[in-house]
Amino acid sequence: MFLRLARLARSCGRDILVLFHACRRPETPLPVKLASLLLALYVISPVDLIPDLIPLLGWVDDAVLLALLLPVIIRMVPEPVIREASLASDQTLERWPFSRNRS
């Protein structure tokens, strides 16, 4: 179970970074930018369906929303923008000090 959660977190982390880079591009449609902003605000907001103060359970609604909505939002981004954002994300992750890919 924890291995699946770790994989989900790693996958969502990269998807979040790809979406961040995509939203910085002017070719990205406004609805994608708005949906990304609303999702980010919900995740960092103290007002949740399940309060974050409840250990583990409080983070479940955030994780479920990320896992469900990130792929939907990313599919709304034009393909050329996704390619560039993925490349930029990979370059960012290579520079990240905790990256497993560093030699």
C-alpha atoms as a PDB file:
ATOM      1  CA  MET A   1       0.000   0.000   0.000  1.00  0.00           C
ATOM      2  CA  PHE A   2       2.746   2.477   0.935  1.00  0.00           C
ATOM      3  CA  LEU A   3       4.618   1.620  -2.268  1.00  0.00           C
ATOM      4  CA  ARG A   4       1.537   2.567  -4.295  1.00  0.00           C
ATOM      5  CA  LEU A   5       1.171   5.811  -2.343  1.00  0.00           C
ATOM      6  CA  ALA A   6       4.837   6.634  -2.962  1.00  0.00           C
ATOM      7  CA  ARG A   7       4.398   5.958  -6.687  1.00  0.00           C
ATOM      8  CA  LEU A   8       1.293   8.151  -6.742  1.00  0.00           C
ATOM      9  CA  ALA A   9       3.115  10.968  -4.954  1.00  0.00           C
ATOM     10  CA  ARG A  10       6.078  10.733  -7.322  1.00  0.00           C
ATOM     11  CA  SER A  11       3.793  10.709 -10.355  1.00  0.00           C
ATOM     12  CA  CYS A  12       1.650  13.572  -9.091  1.00  0.00           C
ATOM     13  CA  GLY A  13       4.766  15.550  -8.220  1.00  0.00           C
ATOM     14  CA  ARG A  14       6.039  15.358 -11.796  1.00  0.00           C
ATOM     15  CA  ASP A  15       2.572  16.093 -13.186  1.00  0.00           C
ATOM     16  CA  ILE A  16       2.300  19.142 -10.923  1.00  0.00           C
ATOM     17  CA  LEU A  17       5.641  20.369 -12.218  1.00  0.00           C
ATOM     18  CA  VAL A  18       4.612  19.761 -15.841  1.00  0.00           C
ATOM     19  CA  LEU A  19       1.383  21.667 -15.247  1.00  0.00           C
ATOM     20  CA  PHE A  20       3.294  24.505 -13.574  1.00  0.00           C
ATOM     21  CA  HIS A  21       5.577  24.850 -16.603  1.00  0.00           C
ATOM     22  CA  ALA A  22       2.611  24.573 -18.983  1.00  0.00           C
ATOM     23  CA  CYS A  23       0.672  27.301 -17.182  1.00  0.00           C
ATOM     24  CA  ARG A  24       3.594  29.671 -17.613  1.00  0.00           C
ATOM     25  CA  ARG A  25       3.237  29.419 -21.405  1.00  0.00           C
ATOM     26  CA  PRO A  26       0.955  31.914 -23.188  1.00  0.00           C
ATOM     27  CA  GLU A  27      -0.361  29.147 -25.506  1.00  0.00           C
ATOM     28  CA  THR A  28      -1.969  27.343 -22.579  1.00  0.00           C
ATOM     29  CA  PRO A  29      -5.741  27.966 -22.596  1.00  0.00           C
ATOM     30  CA  LEU A  30      -7.193  30.120 -19.831  1.00  0.00           C
ATOM     31  CA  PRO A  31      -9.533  27.339 -18.550  1.00  0.00           C
ATOM     32  CA  VAL A  32      -6.457  25.144 -17.909  1.00  0.00           C
ATOM     33  CA  LYS A  33      -4.791  27.927 -15.958  1.00  0.00           C
ATOM     34  CA  LEU A  34      -7.952  28.572 -13.933  1.00  0.00           C
ATOM     35  CA  ALA A  35      -8.522  24.884 -13.199  1.00  0.00           C
ATOM     36  CA  SER A  36      -4.888  24.531 -12.116  1.00  0.00           C
ATOM     37  CA  LEU A  37      -5.168  27.556  -9.853  1.00  0.00           C
ATOM     38  CA  LEU A  38      -8.398  26.313  -8.268  1.00  0.00           C
ATOM     39  CA  LEU A  39      -6.909  22.861  -7.664  1.00  0.00           C
ATOM     40  CA  ALA A  40      -3.784  24.367  -6.105  1.00  0.00           C
ATOM     41  CA  LEU A  41      -5.858  26.652  -3.892  1.00  0.00           C
ATOM     42  CA  TYR A  42      -7.991  23.731  -2.713  1.00  0.00           C
ATOM     43  CA  VAL A  43      -4.954  21.606  -1.888  1.00  0.00           C
ATOM     44  CA  ILE A  44      -3.233  24.347   0.150  1.00  0.00           C
ATOM     45  CA  SER A  45      -6.460  25.706   1.648  1.00  0.00           C
ATOM     46  CA  PRO A  46      -7.192  24.938   5.291  1.00  0.00           C
ATOM     47  CA  VAL A  47     -10.868  24.501   4.315  1.00  0.00           C
ATOM     48  CA  ASP A  48     -11.311  20.911   3.072  1.00  0.00           C
ATOM     49  CA  LEU A  49     -13.996  18.262   2.870  1.00  0.00           C
ATOM     50  CA  ILE A  50     -11.996  16.376   5.504  1.00  0.00           C
ATOM     51  CA  PRO A  51      -9.915  18.686   7.751  1.00  0.00           C
ATOM     52  CA  ASP A  52      -6.144  18.221   7.434  1.00  0.00           C
ATOM     53  CA  LEU A  53      -5.885  18.100  11.227  1.00  0.00           C
ATOM     54  CA  ILE A  54      -7.189  14.510  11.176  1.00  0.00           C
ATOM     55  CA  PRO A  55      -4.028  12.412  10.694  1.00  0.00           C
ATOM     56  CA  LEU A  56      -3.777  10.766   7.245  1.00  0.00           C
ATOM     57  CA  LEU A  57      -7.507  11.032   6.565  1.00  0.00           C
ATOM     58  CA  GLY A  58      -7.197  14.777   6.175  1.00  0.00           C
ATOM     59  CA  TRP A  59      -4.809  14.350   3.265  1.00  0.00           C
ATOM     60  CA  VAL A  60      -6.856  11.697   1.487  1.00  0.00           C
ATOM     61  CA  ASP A  61      -9.280  14.139  -0.131  1.00  0.00           C
ATOM     62  CA  ASP A  62      -6.350  16.217  -1.421  1.00  0.00           C
ATOM     63  CA  ALA A  63      -4.594  13.132  -2.791  1.00  0.00           C
ATOM     64  CA  VAL A  64      -7.753  11.836  -4.457  1.00  0.00           C
ATOM     65  CA  LEU A  65      -8.469  15.184  -6.094  1.00  0.00           C
ATOM     66  CA  LEU A  66      -4.887  15.437  -7.333  1.00  0.00           C
ATOM     67  CA  ALA A  67      -4.934  11.884  -8.668  1.00  0.00           C
ATOM     68  CA  LEU A  68      -8.259  12.419 -10.451  1.00  0.00           C
ATOM     69  CA  LEU A  69      -7.990  15.991 -11.692  1.00  0.00           C
ATOM     70  CA  LEU A  70      -4.328  16.308 -12.689  1.00  0.00           C
ATOM     71  CA  PRO A  71      -4.637  13.932 -15.663  1.00  0.00           C
ATOM     72  CA  VAL A  72      -7.873  15.631 -16.766  1.00  0.00           C
ATOM     73  CA  ILE A  73      -6.324  19.105 -16.652  1.00  0.00           C
ATOM     74  CA  ILE A  74      -3.138  17.951 -18.379  1.00  0.00           C
ATOM     75  CA  ARG A  75      -5.184  16.437 -21.232  1.00  0.00           C
ATOM     76  CA  MET A  76      -6.648  19.902 -21.851  1.00  0.00           C
ATOM     77  CA  VAL A  77      -3.187  21.358 -22.579  1.00  0.00           C
ATOM     78  CA  PRO A  78      -2.119  21.459 -26.250  1.00  0.00           C
ATOM     79  CA  GLU A  79       0.388  18.736 -27.177  1.00  0.00           C
ATOM     80  CA  PRO A  80       3.284  21.069 -28.149  1.00  0.00           C
ATOM     81  CA  VAL A  81       2.989  22.850 -24.808  1.00  0.00           C
ATOM     82  CA  ILE A  82       2.973  19.524 -22.927  1.00  0.00           C
ATOM     83  CA  ARG A  83       6.135  18.401 -24.737  1.00  0.00           C
ATOM     84  CA  GLU A  84       7.964  21.617 -23.833  1.00  0.00           C
ATOM     85  CA  ALA A  85       6.639  21.575 -20.266  1.00  0.00           C
ATOM     86  CA  SER A  86       7.705  17.926 -19.838  1.00  0.00           C
ATOM     87  CA  LEU A  87      11.196  18.750 -21.059  1.00  0.00           C
ATOM     88  CA  ALA A  88      11.412  21.741 -18.726  1.00  0.00           C
ATOM     89  CA  SER A  89      10.148  19.596 -15.832  1.00  0.00           C
ATOM     90  CA  ASP A  90      12.728  16.890 -16.518  1.00  0.00           C
ATOM     91  CA  GLN A  91      15.478  19.518 -16.540  1.00  0.00           C
ATOM     92  CA  THR A  92      14.179  20.931 -13.256  1.00  0.00           C
ATOM     93  CA  LEU A  93      14.068  17.476 -11.674  1.00  0.00           C
ATOM     94  CA  GLU A  94      17.637  16.741 -12.793  1.00  0.00           C
ATOM     95  CA  ARG A  95      18.806  19.840 -10.908  1.00  0.00           C
ATOM     96  CA  TRP A  96      16.743  18.950  -7.836  1.00  0.00           C
ATOM     97  CA  PRO A  97      19.126  18.009  -4.990  1.00  0.00           C
ATOM     98  CA  PHE A  98      17.071  14.985  -3.913  1.00  0.00           C
ATOM     99  CA  SER A  99      16.639  13.530  -7.395  1.00  0.00           C
ATOM    100  CA  ARG A 100      17.383   9.808  -7.715  1.00  0.00           C
ATOM    101  CA  ASN A 101      18.778  10.399 -11.204  1.00  0.00           C
ATOM    102  CA  ARG A 102      21.729  12.462  -9.963  1.00  0.00           C
ATOM    103  CA  SER A 103      25.127  10.828 -10.128  1.00  0.00           C
END
